[in-house]
Protein backbone atom coordinates (compact mmCIF):
# COMPACT_ATOMS: atom_id res chain seq x y z
CA UNK A 1 -48.13 54.55 13.03
CA UNK A 2 -46.37 54.56 9.65
CA UNK A 3 -42.63 55.29 9.45
CA UNK A 4 -41.60 58.53 7.81
CA UNK A 5 -40.33 58.29 4.21
CA UNK A 6 -36.86 59.49 5.26
CA UNK A 7 -36.55 56.71 7.89
CA UNK A 8 -37.68 54.07 5.38
CA UNK A 9 -35.09 55.26 2.87
CA UNK A 10 -32.34 55.16 5.52
CA UNK A 11 -33.23 51.62 6.55
CA UNK A 12 -33.32 50.46 2.94
CA UNK A 13 -29.93 52.01 2.27
CA UNK A 14 -28.50 50.37 5.40
CA UNK A 15 -29.87 46.96 4.38
CA UNK A 16 -28.44 47.32 0.89
CA UNK A 17 -25.10 48.20 2.41
CA UNK A 18 -25.16 45.08 4.58
CA UNK A 19 -26.02 42.89 1.59
CA UNK A 20 -23.24 44.41 -0.47
CA UNK A 21 -20.79 43.91 2.40
CA UNK A 22 -21.84 40.28 2.79
CA UNK A 23 -21.31 39.63 -0.91
CA UNK A 24 -17.89 41.22 -0.89
CA UNK A 25 -16.76 39.78 2.49
CA UNK A 26 -13.93 37.25 2.25
CA UNK A 27 -16.00 34.63 4.06
CA UNK A 28 -19.13 35.12 1.98
CA UNK A 29 -20.00 33.77 -1.45
CA UNK A 30 -18.24 35.54 -4.31
CA UNK A 31 -20.29 36.85 -7.18
CA UNK A 32 -20.70 34.54 -10.12
CA UNK A 33 -17.72 34.69 -12.43
CA UNK A 34 -15.45 36.19 -9.76
CA UNK A 35 -11.76 35.42 -10.37
CA UNK A 36 -11.12 34.73 -6.67
CA UNK A 37 -13.17 31.90 -5.07
CA UNK A 38 -14.66 32.60 -1.66
CA UNK A 39 -13.28 31.13 1.55
CA UNK A 40 -16.55 29.28 2.04
CA UNK A 41 -16.28 27.55 -1.34
CA UNK A 42 -12.62 26.69 -0.69
CA UNK A 43 -13.52 25.00 2.62
CA UNK A 44 -16.31 23.04 0.92
CA UNK A 45 -13.84 21.94 -1.74
CA UNK A 46 -11.47 20.73 0.97
CA UNK A 47 -14.18 18.48 2.34
CA UNK A 48 -15.01 17.27 -1.15
CA UNK A 49 -11.49 15.96 -1.75
CA UNK A 50 -11.54 13.07 0.74
CA UNK A 51 -15.37 13.25 0.97
CA UNK A 52 -15.25 14.29 4.61
CA UNK A 53 -17.96 15.68 6.84
CA UNK A 54 -17.38 18.97 8.61
CA UNK A 55 -16.57 17.03 11.76
CA UNK A 56 -13.97 14.88 9.99
CA UNK A 57 -12.21 17.89 8.46
CA UNK A 58 -12.26 19.64 11.83
CA UNK A 59 -10.69 16.64 13.55
CA UNK A 60 -7.94 16.34 10.93
CA UNK A 61 -7.11 20.05 11.29
CA UNK A 62 -7.58 20.06 15.11
CA UNK A 63 -10.43 22.56 15.01
CA UNK A 64 -13.96 22.55 16.39
CA UNK A 65 -16.65 21.43 13.88
CA UNK A 66 -18.57 24.66 14.59
CA UNK A 67 -15.66 26.60 13.12
CA UNK A 68 -15.89 24.68 9.84
CA UNK A 69 -19.62 25.38 9.70
CA UNK A 70 -19.03 29.08 10.37
CA UNK A 71 -16.40 29.25 7.61
CA UNK A 72 -18.68 27.56 5.08
CA UNK A 73 -21.65 29.78 5.97
CA UNK A 74 -19.55 32.92 5.67
CA UNK A 75 -20.15 33.82 9.32
CA UNK A 76 -16.48 33.71 10.23
CA UNK A 77 -13.25 34.30 8.35
CA UNK A 78 -10.30 32.00 9.15
CA UNK A 79 -6.82 33.41 9.43
CA UNK A 80 -4.56 32.63 6.43
CA UNK A 81 -2.53 30.18 8.52
CA UNK A 82 -5.70 28.36 9.61
CA UNK A 83 -6.94 28.17 6.02
CA UNK A 84 -3.59 26.72 4.91
CA UNK A 85 -3.74 24.20 7.77
CA UNK A 86 -7.21 23.10 6.68
CA UNK A 87 -5.98 22.57 3.13
CA UNK A 88 -2.97 20.56 4.34
CA UNK A 89 -5.22 18.40 6.53
CA UNK A 90 -7.29 17.62 3.43
CA UNK A 91 -4.15 16.65 1.55
CA UNK A 92 -4.01 19.62 -0.77
CA UNK A 93 -2.97 23.30 -0.88
CA UNK A 94 -4.74 26.62 -1.32
CA UNK A 95 -3.03 27.14 -4.67
CA UNK A 96 -4.32 23.81 -6.01
CA UNK A 97 -7.85 24.56 -4.78
CA UNK A 98 -7.87 28.03 -6.36
CA UNK A 99 -6.64 26.61 -9.66
CA UNK A 100 -9.39 23.96 -9.60
CA UNK A 101 -12.01 26.62 -8.82
CA UNK A 102 -10.75 28.80 -11.69
CA UNK A 103 -10.99 25.89 -14.14
CA UNK A 104 -14.52 25.12 -12.96
CA UNK A 105 -15.45 28.75 -13.45
CA UNK A 106 -14.11 28.69 -17.00
CA UNK A 107 -16.01 25.48 -17.74
CA UNK A 108 -19.19 27.15 -16.58
CA UNK A 109 -18.50 29.97 -19.05
CA UNK A 110 -19.07 32.57 -16.39
CA UNK A 111 -22.74 31.67 -16.20
CA UNK A 112 -24.60 32.91 -13.15
CA UNK A 113 -26.39 30.65 -10.76
CA UNK A 114 -27.11 29.97 -7.15
CA UNK A 115 -24.32 29.28 -4.67
CA UNK A 116 -25.48 25.70 -4.27
CA UNK A 117 -25.30 25.07 -8.04
CA UNK A 118 -21.78 26.45 -8.21
CA UNK A 119 -20.71 24.41 -5.16
CA UNK A 120 -22.17 21.24 -6.71
CA UNK A 121 -20.30 21.83 -9.96
CA UNK A 122 -17.06 22.43 -8.07
CA UNK A 123 -17.53 19.34 -5.90
CA UNK A 124 -18.20 17.16 -8.96
CA UNK A 125 -15.10 18.48 -10.69
CA UNK A 126 -13.01 17.84 -7.58
CA UNK A 127 -14.51 14.36 -7.23
CA UNK A 128 -13.43 13.44 -10.74
CA UNK A 129 -9.94 14.83 -10.16
CA UNK A 130 -9.66 12.97 -6.85
CA UNK A 131 -10.70 9.67 -8.44
CA UNK A 132 -7.98 10.14 -11.01
CA UNK A 133 -5.43 11.04 -8.32
CA UNK A 134 -6.40 8.01 -6.23
CA UNK A 135 -5.94 5.80 -9.25
CA UNK A 136 -2.46 7.19 -9.78
CA UNK A 137 -1.71 6.72 -6.07
CA UNK A 138 -2.88 3.11 -6.17
CA UNK A 139 -0.61 2.48 -9.15
CA UNK A 140 2.37 3.95 -7.30
CA UNK A 141 1.63 1.90 -4.19
CA UNK A 142 1.30 -1.34 -6.14
CA UNK A 143 4.42 -0.71 -8.20
CA UNK A 144 7.45 -2.59 -6.85
CA UNK A 145 9.92 -0.62 -4.74
CA UNK A 146 13.16 -1.73 -3.14
CA UNK A 147 13.25 -2.37 0.61
CA UNK A 148 15.39 0.76 1.26
CA UNK A 149 12.87 2.84 -0.71
CA UNK A 150 9.97 1.37 1.29
CA UNK A 151 11.76 2.08 4.57
CA UNK A 152 12.58 5.63 3.51
CA UNK A 153 8.90 6.21 2.68
CA UNK A 154 7.88 4.69 6.02
CA UNK A 155 10.19 7.09 7.84
CA UNK A 156 8.38 10.05 6.25
CA UNK A 157 5.00 8.56 7.20
CA UNK A 158 6.14 7.93 10.78
CA UNK A 159 7.30 11.54 11.14
CA UNK A 160 3.80 12.63 10.13
CA UNK A 161 2.14 10.19 12.54
CA UNK A 162 4.43 11.21 15.39
CA UNK A 163 2.96 14.73 15.32
CA UNK A 164 -0.61 13.46 15.83
CA UNK A 165 -2.46 12.30 18.95
CA UNK A 166 -3.08 8.51 19.13
CA UNK A 167 -6.73 8.71 17.98
CA UNK A 168 -5.79 10.65 14.85
CA UNK A 169 -2.91 8.27 14.14
CA UNK A 170 -5.35 5.37 14.19
CA UNK A 171 -7.79 7.16 11.88
CA UNK A 172 -5.08 7.90 9.35
CA UNK A 173 -3.90 4.28 9.37
CA UNK A 174 -7.50 3.11 8.99
CA UNK A 175 -8.31 5.14 5.87
CA UNK A 176 -5.04 5.69 4.02
CA UNK A 177 -3.41 2.85 2.02
CA UNK A 178 0.11 4.35 2.15
CA UNK A 179 -0.05 3.95 5.95
CA UNK A 180 -0.74 0.20 5.57
CA UNK A 181 2.67 -0.87 4.27
CA UNK A 182 4.94 -3.54 5.75
CA UNK A 183 7.69 -0.94 6.19
CA UNK A 184 5.50 1.28 8.38
CA UNK A 185 4.49 -1.78 10.43
CA UNK A 186 8.18 -2.46 11.01
CA UNK A 187 8.83 1.19 11.92
CA UNK A 188 5.95 1.27 14.41
CA UNK A 189 7.09 -2.05 15.91
CA UNK A 190 10.57 -0.69 16.57
CA UNK A 191 9.10 2.49 18.06
CA UNK A 192 7.05 0.26 20.38
CA UNK A 193 10.22 -1.58 21.40
CA UNK A 194 11.97 1.71 22.20
CA UNK A 195 8.98 3.00 24.15
CA UNK A 196 8.80 -0.21 26.22
CA UNK A 197 11.86 0.75 28.30
CA UNK A 198 10.07 3.93 29.40
CA UNK A 199 6.32 3.40 29.19
CA UNK A 200 4.70 0.01 28.66
CA UNK A 201 1.33 1.65 27.94
CA UNK A 202 2.79 3.71 25.10
CA UNK A 203 4.52 0.59 23.78
CA UNK A 204 1.20 -1.26 23.67
CA UNK A 205 -0.50 1.64 21.85
CA UNK A 206 2.21 1.76 19.18
CA UNK A 207 2.18 -2.01 18.70
CA UNK A 208 -1.62 -1.97 18.36
CA UNK A 209 -1.26 0.72 15.69
CA UNK A 210 1.26 -1.49 13.85
CA UNK A 211 -1.19 -4.38 14.06
CA UNK A 212 -4.01 -2.27 12.65
CA UNK A 213 -1.82 -1.16 9.75
CA UNK A 214 -1.03 -4.79 8.96
CA UNK A 215 -4.67 -5.87 9.24
CA UNK A 216 -5.91 -3.04 7.00
CA UNK A 217 -3.46 -3.90 4.21
CA UNK A 218 -5.30 -5.44 1.27
CA UNK A 219 -5.01 -9.16 0.60
CA UNK A 220 -2.11 -9.76 -1.74
CA UNK A 221 -0.14 -6.77 -0.42
CA UNK A 222 3.57 -7.68 -0.34
CA UNK A 223 4.69 -9.26 2.96
CA UNK A 224 1.24 -8.88 4.55
CA UNK A 225 1.55 -12.17 6.49
CA UNK A 226 5.03 -11.26 7.70
CA UNK A 227 3.76 -7.82 8.78
CA UNK A 228 0.97 -9.41 10.81
CA UNK A 229 3.46 -11.76 12.48
CA UNK A 230 5.77 -8.84 13.32
CA UNK A 231 2.96 -6.73 14.78
CA UNK A 232 1.73 -9.57 17.01
CA UNK A 233 5.28 -10.25 18.25
CA UNK A 234 5.85 -6.65 19.29
CA UNK A 235 2.42 -6.38 20.88
CA UNK A 236 3.30 -9.52 22.86
CA UNK A 237 6.60 -7.89 23.86
CA UNK A 238 4.81 -4.76 25.12
CA UNK A 239 2.43 -6.95 27.16
CA UNK A 240 5.44 -8.77 28.61
CA UNK A 241 7.02 -5.50 29.72
CA UNK A 242 3.74 -4.57 31.40
CA UNK A 243 3.98 -7.90 33.22
CA UNK A 244 0.96 -9.51 31.54
CA UNK A 245 2.63 -12.78 30.57
CA UNK A 246 -0.64 -14.57 29.87
CA UNK A 247 -1.65 -12.02 27.22
CA UNK A 248 1.89 -12.04 25.80
CA UNK A 249 1.75 -15.83 25.47
CA UNK A 250 -1.57 -15.62 23.60
CA UNK A 251 -0.24 -12.99 21.22
CA UNK A 252 2.90 -14.96 20.41
CA UNK A 253 0.55 -17.80 19.46
CA UNK A 254 -1.30 -15.41 17.11
CA UNK A 255 2.04 -14.39 15.60
CA UNK A 256 2.83 -18.01 14.81
CA UNK A 257 -0.58 -18.49 13.19
CA UNK A 258 -0.15 -15.31 11.12
CA UNK A 259 3.29 -16.30 9.80
CA UNK A 260 3.57 -17.26 6.16
CA UNK A 261 3.40 -21.07 6.11
CA UNK A 262 5.48 -21.17 2.93
CA UNK A 263 8.37 -19.50 4.75
CA UNK A 264 8.92 -17.01 1.94
CA UNK A 265 11.80 -14.50 2.30
CA UNK A 266 10.76 -11.57 4.48
CA UNK A 267 12.15 -8.06 5.02
CA UNK A 268 11.65 -8.39 8.77
CA UNK A 269 14.55 -9.32 11.04
CA UNK A 270 14.05 -12.92 12.13
CA UNK A 271 16.73 -12.43 14.81
CA UNK A 272 14.80 -9.64 16.50
CA UNK A 273 11.50 -11.54 16.37
CA UNK A 274 13.13 -14.60 17.99
CA UNK A 275 14.84 -12.41 20.59
CA UNK A 276 11.50 -10.90 21.70
CA UNK A 277 10.10 -14.37 22.41
CA UNK A 278 13.28 -15.32 24.25
CA UNK A 279 12.65 -12.41 26.64
CA UNK A 280 9.22 -13.78 27.51
CA UNK A 281 10.60 -17.30 28.14
CA UNK A 282 13.24 -15.81 30.44
CA UNK A 283 10.63 -13.84 32.38
CA UNK A 284 8.58 -17.03 32.68
CA UNK A 285 11.73 -18.77 34.05
CA UNK A 286 11.63 -21.19 31.13
CA UNK A 287 15.37 -20.81 30.71
CA UNK A 288 16.19 -23.72 28.34
CA UNK A 289 13.63 -22.40 25.84
CA UNK A 290 14.99 -18.87 26.22
CA UNK A 291 18.55 -20.01 25.55
CA UNK A 292 17.46 -21.99 22.51
CA UNK A 293 15.71 -18.92 21.09
CA UNK A 294 18.76 -16.74 21.80
CA UNK A 295 20.89 -19.28 19.94
CA UNK A 296 18.62 -19.24 16.91
CA UNK A 297 18.56 -15.43 17.00
CA UNK A 298 22.36 -15.27 16.99
CA UNK A 299 22.48 -17.58 13.95
CA UNK A 300 19.97 -15.35 12.11
CA UNK A 301 21.47 -12.04 13.23
CA UNK A 302 23.18 -9.72 10.79
CA UNK A 303 26.49 -8.24 12.05
CA UNK A 304 24.79 -5.02 13.17
CA UNK A 305 22.20 -7.01 15.16
CA UNK A 306 24.60 -9.30 17.06
CA UNK A 307 25.23 -6.85 19.92
CA UNK A 308 21.51 -6.32 20.45
CA UNK A 309 20.92 -10.07 20.71
CA UNK A 310 23.95 -10.75 22.95
CA UNK A 311 22.91 -8.13 25.52
CA UNK A 312 19.62 -9.97 26.01
CA UNK A 313 21.41 -13.34 26.00
CA UNK A 314 23.79 -12.10 28.72
CA UNK A 315 20.88 -10.94 30.87
CA UNK A 316 19.20 -14.35 30.59
CA UNK A 317 22.42 -16.03 31.75
CA UNK A 318 22.59 -13.60 34.67
CA UNK A 319 19.02 -14.48 35.69
CA UNK A 320 19.98 -18.17 35.56
CA UNK A 321 22.79 -17.55 38.06
CA UNK A 322 25.48 -18.20 35.43
CA UNK A 323 27.41 -15.01 36.16
CA UNK A 324 30.69 -16.02 34.49
CA UNK A 325 28.89 -16.92 31.24
CA UNK A 326 26.86 -13.73 31.49
CA UNK A 327 30.02 -11.63 31.79
CA UNK A 328 31.55 -13.31 28.73
CA UNK A 329 28.40 -12.73 26.63
CA UNK A 330 28.08 -9.09 27.73
CA UNK A 331 31.73 -8.30 27.03
CA UNK A 332 31.31 -9.76 23.54
CA UNK A 333 28.15 -7.67 23.13
CA UNK A 334 30.09 -4.51 23.93
CA UNK A 335 32.51 -5.39 21.14
CA UNK A 336 29.67 -6.13 18.70
CA UNK A 337 28.01 -2.79 19.51
CA UNK A 338 31.07 -1.01 18.11
CA UNK A 339 30.11 -2.33 14.64
CA UNK A 340 29.14 0.55 12.31
CA UNK A 341 25.36 0.89 12.19
CA UNK A 342 24.85 -1.40 15.19
CA UNK A 343 21.19 -1.72 16.16
CA UNK A 344 20.25 0.18 19.32
CA UNK A 345 23.91 1.00 20.03
CA UNK A 346 23.66 3.72 22.76
CA UNK A 347 20.76 2.10 24.58
CA UNK A 348 22.21 -1.42 24.29
CA UNK A 349 25.59 -0.24 25.58
CA UNK A 350 23.81 1.07 28.67
CA UNK A 351 22.04 -2.28 29.10
CA UNK A 352 25.26 -4.24 28.61
CA UNK A 353 27.13 -2.19 31.23
CA UNK A 354 24.21 -2.32 33.66
CA UNK A 355 23.93 -6.11 33.44
CA UNK A 356 27.70 -6.56 33.47
CA UNK A 357 27.91 -4.67 36.76
CA UNK A 358 25.16 -6.89 38.16
CA UNK A 359 26.96 -10.10 37.19
CA UNK A 360 30.23 -8.82 38.64
CA UNK A 361 28.43 -8.11 41.91
CA UNK A 362 27.02 -11.65 41.89
CA UNK A 363 30.65 -12.88 41.86
CA UNK A 364 31.62 -10.44 44.67
CA UNK A 365 33.84 -8.50 42.24
CA UNK A 366 32.88 -5.27 43.93
CA UNK A 367 35.67 -2.98 42.67
CA UNK A 368 35.10 -3.93 39.00
CA UNK A 369 31.35 -3.31 39.34
CA UNK A 370 31.83 0.05 41.04
CA UNK A 371 34.26 1.09 38.29
CA UNK A 372 31.39 0.78 35.76
CA UNK A 373 29.00 3.02 37.71
CA UNK A 374 30.22 6.41 36.35
CA UNK A 375 29.59 5.40 32.72
CA UNK A 376 26.27 3.80 33.59
CA UNK A 377 25.20 7.04 35.29
CA UNK A 378 26.43 9.13 32.36
CA UNK A 379 24.36 7.12 29.86
CA UNK A 380 21.08 7.55 31.76
CA UNK A 381 18.67 9.92 30.04
CA UNK A 382 17.51 12.41 32.74
CA UNK A 383 14.03 12.36 31.21
CA UNK A 384 13.80 8.56 31.41
CA UNK A 385 12.12 7.70 34.69
CA UNK A 386 12.49 3.93 34.33
CA UNK A 387 16.23 4.09 33.70
CA UNK A 388 16.53 6.33 36.74
CA UNK A 389 14.81 3.63 38.79
CA UNK A 390 17.04 0.92 37.32
CA UNK A 391 20.13 2.98 38.18
CA UNK A 392 18.85 3.26 41.75
CA UNK A 393 18.48 -0.53 41.74
CA UNK A 394 22.10 -1.01 40.66
CA UNK A 395 23.32 1.50 43.25
CA UNK A 396 21.40 -0.43 45.92
CA UNK A 397 23.13 -3.65 44.87
CA UNK A 398 26.51 -1.90 44.97
CA UNK A 399 25.73 -0.63 48.47
CA UNK A 400 24.79 -4.16 49.52
CA UNK A 401 28.06 -5.51 48.14
CA UNK A 402 29.94 -2.89 50.16
CA UNK A 403 28.14 -3.98 53.34
CA UNK A 404 25.89 -0.92 53.57
CA UNK A 405 22.82 -3.09 54.12
CA UNK A 406 20.42 -0.45 55.49
CA UNK A 407 21.21 1.90 52.58
CA UNK A 408 20.79 -0.96 50.10
CA UNK A 409 17.47 -2.11 51.61
CA UNK A 410 16.07 1.43 51.52
CA UNK A 411 17.09 1.81 47.87
CA UNK A 412 15.60 -1.52 46.85
CA UNK A 413 12.39 -0.72 48.73
CA UNK A 414 12.04 2.50 46.73
CA UNK A 415 12.73 0.61 43.50
CA UNK A 416 10.09 -1.98 44.32
CA UNK A 417 7.46 0.63 45.13
CA UNK A 418 8.16 2.66 41.99
CA UNK A 419 7.86 -0.41 39.77
CA UNK A 420 4.65 -1.39 41.55
CA UNK A 421 3.20 2.10 41.08
CA UNK A 422 3.80 1.66 37.34
CA UNK A 423 2.11 -1.76 37.41
CA UNK A 424 5.38 -3.46 36.40
CA UNK A 425 4.80 -6.45 38.67
CA UNK A 426 7.61 -8.66 37.41
CA UNK A 427 10.31 -6.05 38.04
CA UNK A 428 8.74 -5.14 41.38
CA UNK A 429 8.85 -8.81 42.41
CA UNK A 430 12.55 -9.13 41.50
CA UNK A 431 13.39 -6.05 43.58
CA UNK A 432 11.32 -7.46 46.45
CA UNK A 433 13.30 -10.73 46.37
CA UNK A 434 16.59 -8.87 46.64
CA UNK A 435 15.25 -6.68 49.43
CA UNK A 436 13.96 -9.75 51.29
CA UNK A 437 17.38 -11.41 51.07
CA UNK A 438 19.01 -8.34 52.63
CA UNK A 439 16.45 -8.22 55.44
CA UNK A 440 17.03 -11.90 56.20
CA UNK A 441 20.78 -11.28 56.41
CA UNK A 442 20.00 -8.89 59.25
CA UNK A 443 17.63 -11.38 60.90
CA UNK A 444 14.63 -9.11 60.30
CA UNK A 445 12.21 -11.97 59.66
CA UNK A 446 9.00 -10.15 60.56
CA UNK A 447 9.80 -7.39 58.05
CA UNK A 448 10.63 -10.03 55.46
CA UNK A 449 7.28 -11.74 56.00
CA UNK A 450 5.43 -8.42 55.66
CA UNK A 451 7.35 -7.64 52.47
CA UNK A 452 6.47 -11.00 50.94
CA UNK A 453 2.80 -10.53 51.82
CA UNK A 454 2.87 -7.14 50.12
CA UNK A 455 4.76 -8.33 47.06
CA UNK A 456 2.85 -11.56 46.32
CA UNK A 457 -0.16 -9.91 44.59
């Protein structure tokens, strides 16, 4: 049965209305010669700048790829904030894209054509502009800059990386030359060192990112060999904190192989690199080597680094049973940490006081050790779980020194279990040794044997 003429006219009018609406919709294609480019064409231009797929742009902007497809097909309109975020992820701005689209429109002389032809013309124009911009960027990167300027630039890059999840950080370092500088490698290495006191896994991830930045740097990039050495050293340090001494040993060997054989001047702190290896030798109980490395680090240290190095030196002496020497080194470290601009000053002061209290307890100087506890407690970051555990360890040792053996043993048992739960086997083993000594003092040999059996793995 044929439709009535009135019904056919109504349907035709409705279809025409839909078509007109689609052409005028913000997400649809603008008419040829329109002064304002469509959202769809802007999104395609964003992908054309770094030559990304829809999936790559979506990942950079933290959106689902289906959203990018919907924007480009005119099926969905992004909010202004989302559109601005997409442009920022592509390394541009909406204003710059609109200006580029306007210039392309002028070049075309307002000629009409299909959407695909217009998009191709825009993409080609953007490609040429991007090639020019990349050339300028390469010239800026290769131009010499002072070390303070490089470090200032690296700080800006780190602040950008810090806002991204690890996978996106790695992608940015992989594809972007500015993120492959020696200064960013140094910045990431120091972030790894800071993270190590809280989370060995995070420290490893940051050190691996530093290593990738160094590896991706082009041959001939300034200080590339020194950057590789630095990255391997800090990755080794993160492995050491995790308790994987075998992997740390292998990575220190890679650091030595990566080092510049000519021994050219380097912007990296030789004192801090030597100090990281000294920590591994101490943990391996290779004390003479550790002390030799500490000595070399102190010779190389700048005034603001001396406190940092002496804290570690004092801890090595404590582990050797040389409590008097440890106390002398740690007291000197506290003085050095008062130097303006001292490296790691708040954190290192905490470490110096913590180890000083331990050495005083080793000499049965109970009152002096207890007098340090209030400041040690005050310097603990409430959000830092590992420092909370270390404080509990010190409090257990203080309790043992005061003769409160059961309280001390319970505290050390908790410390050991918490370290073990975090797979920090070396620290767990040290706590187990102290707990075993307390149990033996009470003649609890069967409990000591059970503890050793549990701690050995």
